[in-house]
Amino acid sequence: MRAIYTRDDLSPSIDGILRISDDRSHHLIKVARVSVGDNVLLLDGKGGQYISEVINATKREVTLKVVSFKKSEKETCIDLALGLPKREAFESSLKNATQVGIGQIYPFRADYSNWSIKNFERVSSIIESSLIQSNNTYVPQVHTEAPELDGLFEIFHQYDIVLLTTLKKTDDSVIKKFETISGRRVLIIVGPE
């Protein structure tokens, strides 16, 4: 089913009528090629899923009638601390993190980081696109870039499990096995290389 993100400008309600005449309508009309009678999924980014029906579609505007609502609960709490890689790799990481349901993204500069986030509108656009493509019901929150991993130590106490990914050989006694992460808060730390 075709989907759009409601952002903060649409307030869907059952039997409500929504008129969309921005980039989302362009996407629905030109890319998804919706027509009268088609269903469109509206994602509010907070777990809400509204099923709507196209009741009118012109060259520049789509009119939707909301017919049902469902709220999905977030089953896991997995967050990501990401050492800033090159821009293309960062954007790919954002897409993947959004699609798999990561809740919070904490970018940080690392020894091999050679790029910095300058355009948060681009970050929002990538997340919105990935949200729609995967029909994920929750928008991840991207935090301000930390100057180094040490700048994130203050958040570690919030997590039940903190996983540091590394290619370096470690002592097997340090590695713990987890039966399940369900119900636990998990932070995964990934470096830029």
Protein backbone atom coordinates (compact mmCIF):
# COMPACT_ATOMS: atom_id res chain seq x y z
CA MET A 1 0.00 0.00 0.00
CA ARG A 2 1.25 3.48 -0.83
CA ALA A 3 2.21 5.51 2.22
CA ILE A 4 3.00 9.08 3.23
CA TYR A 5 4.30 10.63 6.43
CA THR A 6 1.93 13.13 8.05
CA ARG A 7 4.76 15.31 9.43
CA ASP A 8 3.38 17.94 11.80
CA ASP A 9 1.08 19.63 9.29
CA LEU A 10 -1.58 16.91 8.89
CA SER A 11 -3.90 15.86 11.71
CA PRO A 12 -5.79 12.78 10.54
CA SER A 13 -8.98 11.69 12.29
CA ILE A 14 -11.51 8.97 11.48
CA ASP A 15 -13.87 10.16 8.71
CA GLY A 16 -11.72 13.30 8.37
CA ILE A 17 -10.91 14.76 4.97
CA LEU A 18 -7.31 15.73 4.16
CA ARG A 19 -6.21 17.80 1.18
CA ILE A 20 -2.56 17.44 0.27
CA SER A 21 -0.93 19.75 -2.28
CA ASP A 22 2.81 19.59 -1.57
CA ASP A 23 5.66 17.20 -2.39
CA ARG A 24 3.65 14.31 -0.91
CA SER A 25 0.79 14.88 -3.36
CA HIS A 26 3.31 15.05 -6.20
CA HIS A 27 4.70 11.68 -5.06
CA LEU A 28 1.23 10.11 -4.83
CA ILE A 29 0.10 11.49 -8.23
CA LYS A 30 3.26 11.22 -10.35
CA VAL A 31 5.21 8.35 -8.76
CA ALA A 32 2.63 6.12 -7.05
CA ARG A 33 -0.02 7.01 -9.66
CA VAL A 34 -2.90 6.77 -7.20
CA SER A 35 -6.44 7.18 -8.43
CA VAL A 36 -9.87 7.56 -6.87
CA GLY A 37 -10.69 4.54 -4.70
CA ASP A 38 -7.05 3.61 -3.92
CA ASN A 39 -5.95 3.27 -0.31
CA VAL A 40 -3.10 5.32 1.13
CA LEU A 41 -1.42 4.61 4.47
CA LEU A 42 -0.76 7.70 6.60
CA LEU A 43 2.10 7.27 9.09
CA ASP A 44 2.31 9.73 11.99
CA GLY A 45 5.78 8.61 13.16
CA LYS A 46 4.48 7.87 16.67
CA GLY A 47 3.03 4.43 16.00
CA GLY A 48 -0.20 5.61 14.37
CA GLN A 49 -1.33 4.14 11.07
CA TYR A 50 -4.30 5.70 9.33
CA ILE A 51 -5.84 3.96 6.31
CA SER A 52 -7.31 6.51 3.94
CA GLU A 53 -9.08 6.37 0.61
CA VAL A 54 -8.38 8.68 -2.33
CA ILE A 55 -11.65 10.53 -3.01
CA ASN A 56 -10.20 13.05 -5.48
CA ALA A 57 -6.93 13.42 -7.38
CA THR A 58 -6.08 16.34 -9.64
CA LYS A 59 -2.75 17.29 -11.19
CA ARG A 60 -1.63 19.05 -8.01
CA GLU A 61 -3.81 17.89 -5.13
CA VAL A 62 -4.93 14.63 -3.54
CA THR A 63 -7.96 14.49 -1.27
CA LEU A 64 -8.06 11.62 1.21
CA LYS A 65 -10.78 10.38 3.54
CA VAL A 66 -9.50 8.61 6.65
CA VAL A 67 -11.37 5.33 7.14
CA SER A 68 -9.53 3.54 9.96
CA PHE A 69 -6.81 3.89 12.59
CA LYS A 70 -4.44 1.43 14.24
CA LYS A 71 -1.73 2.12 16.83
CA SER A 72 1.28 -0.16 16.90
CA GLU A 73 3.36 -0.48 20.03
CA LYS A 74 7.14 -0.34 19.80
CA GLU A 75 8.32 -3.83 20.67
CA THR A 76 12.03 -3.13 21.08
CA CYS A 77 14.17 -0.23 22.20
CA ILE A 78 17.35 -0.36 20.15
CA ASP A 79 19.36 2.81 19.66
CA LEU A 80 22.49 3.49 17.63
CA ALA A 81 25.63 5.50 18.38
CA LEU A 82 27.23 5.99 14.97
CA GLY A 83 30.76 7.16 14.33
CA LEU A 84 30.43 9.50 11.38
CA PRO A 85 31.53 7.78 8.17
CA LYS A 86 31.60 9.45 4.75
CA ARG A 87 28.38 11.23 3.71
CA GLU A 88 27.12 8.45 1.42
CA ALA A 89 27.71 5.78 4.06
CA PHE A 90 26.02 7.96 6.71
CA GLU A 91 22.96 8.39 4.51
CA SER A 92 22.85 4.65 3.88
CA SER A 93 23.13 4.04 7.63
CA LEU A 94 20.24 6.44 8.27
CA LYS A 95 18.07 4.61 5.73
CA ASN A 96 18.83 1.21 7.20
CA ALA A 97 18.45 2.36 10.80
CA THR A 98 15.02 3.81 9.99
CA GLN A 99 13.88 0.71 8.14
CA VAL A 100 14.83 -1.68 10.97
CA GLY A 101 13.23 0.46 13.67
CA ILE A 102 16.14 2.13 15.48
CA GLY A 103 14.70 4.65 17.96
CA GLN A 104 17.51 7.14 18.63
CA ILE A 105 20.60 7.87 16.55
CA TYR A 106 23.60 9.49 18.27
CA PRO A 107 26.19 10.57 15.68
CA PHE A 108 29.72 11.15 16.98
CA ARG A 109 33.08 12.10 15.51
CA ALA A 110 35.71 9.36 15.66
CA ASP A 111 39.37 9.05 14.69
CA TYR A 112 38.50 8.18 11.09
CA SER A 113 35.58 10.58 10.68
CA ASN A 114 36.23 13.02 7.85
CA TRP A 115 32.79 14.52 7.43
CA SER A 116 30.28 16.42 9.58
CA ILE A 117 26.48 16.78 9.40
CA LYS A 118 25.63 20.19 7.98
CA ASN A 119 22.20 19.73 6.45
CA PHE A 120 19.57 18.43 8.88
CA GLU A 121 16.83 18.99 6.28
CA ARG A 122 18.56 16.33 4.17
CA VAL A 123 18.68 14.03 7.22
CA SER A 124 14.92 14.51 7.75
CA SER A 125 14.23 13.88 4.07
CA ILE A 126 16.20 10.61 4.08
CA ILE A 127 14.42 9.42 7.22
CA GLU A 128 10.99 10.30 5.82
CA SER A 129 11.71 8.48 2.56
CA SER A 130 12.91 5.38 4.44
CA LEU A 131 9.94 5.49 6.80
CA ILE A 132 7.53 5.50 3.86
CA GLN A 133 9.41 2.79 1.97
CA SER A 134 9.44 0.43 4.95
CA ASN A 135 6.03 1.45 6.40
CA ASN A 136 7.80 1.82 9.74
CA THR A 137 5.46 3.52 12.18
CA TYR A 138 8.12 5.25 14.31
CA VAL A 139 10.47 8.06 13.28
CA PRO A 140 13.97 7.78 14.76
CA GLN A 141 15.31 10.84 16.53
CA VAL A 142 18.71 12.01 15.29
CA HIS A 143 20.65 13.86 17.99
CA THR A 144 23.23 16.58 17.60
CA GLU A 145 26.65 15.33 16.60
CA ALA A 146 28.93 14.64 19.58
CA PRO A 147 32.59 15.70 19.19
CA GLU A 148 33.73 12.22 20.25
CA LEU A 149 32.39 8.98 21.74
CA ASP A 150 33.32 10.20 25.23
CA GLY A 151 30.62 12.85 24.81
CA LEU A 152 28.02 10.07 24.86
CA PHE A 153 29.12 8.39 28.12
CA GLU A 154 26.42 10.27 30.01
CA ILE A 155 23.71 8.31 28.16
CA PHE A 156 25.17 4.83 28.72
CA HIS A 157 23.50 4.42 32.12
CA GLN A 158 20.08 4.55 30.38
CA TYR A 159 20.71 1.19 28.71
CA ASP A 160 20.51 -2.38 29.93
CA ILE A 161 22.94 -3.52 27.22
CA VAL A 162 25.63 -1.50 25.42
CA LEU A 163 27.24 -3.31 22.47
CA LEU A 164 30.47 -2.03 20.98
CA THR A 165 31.23 -3.42 17.53
CA THR A 166 34.90 -3.95 16.74
CA LEU A 167 37.09 -5.97 14.42
CA LYS A 168 39.80 -6.18 17.06
CA LYS A 169 40.29 -9.52 18.78
CA THR A 170 38.83 -9.46 22.28
CA ASP A 171 39.10 -11.70 25.30
CA ASP A 172 36.26 -14.26 25.17
CA SER A 173 35.53 -13.65 28.86
CA VAL A 174 34.39 -10.13 27.97
CA ILE A 175 31.80 -11.33 25.48
CA LYS A 176 28.41 -12.04 27.02
CA LYS A 177 25.62 -14.00 25.44
CA PHE A 178 22.09 -12.68 25.59
CA GLU A 179 19.08 -14.95 25.31
CA THR A 180 16.74 -12.11 24.41
CA ILE A 181 16.72 -8.35 24.18
CA SER A 182 12.95 -8.10 24.40
CA GLY A 183 12.00 -5.52 27.00
CA ARG A 184 15.59 -4.30 27.37
CA ARG A 185 17.05 -0.99 26.25
CA VAL A 186 19.96 -1.62 23.91
CA LEU A 187 22.59 0.76 22.53
CA ILE A 188 24.76 -0.41 19.62
CA ILE A 189 27.98 1.55 19.03
CA VAL A 190 29.38 1.43 15.48
CA GLY A 191 32.53 3.23 14.34
CA PRO A 192 32.95 4.93 10.98
CA GLU A 193 35.21 2.26 9.46
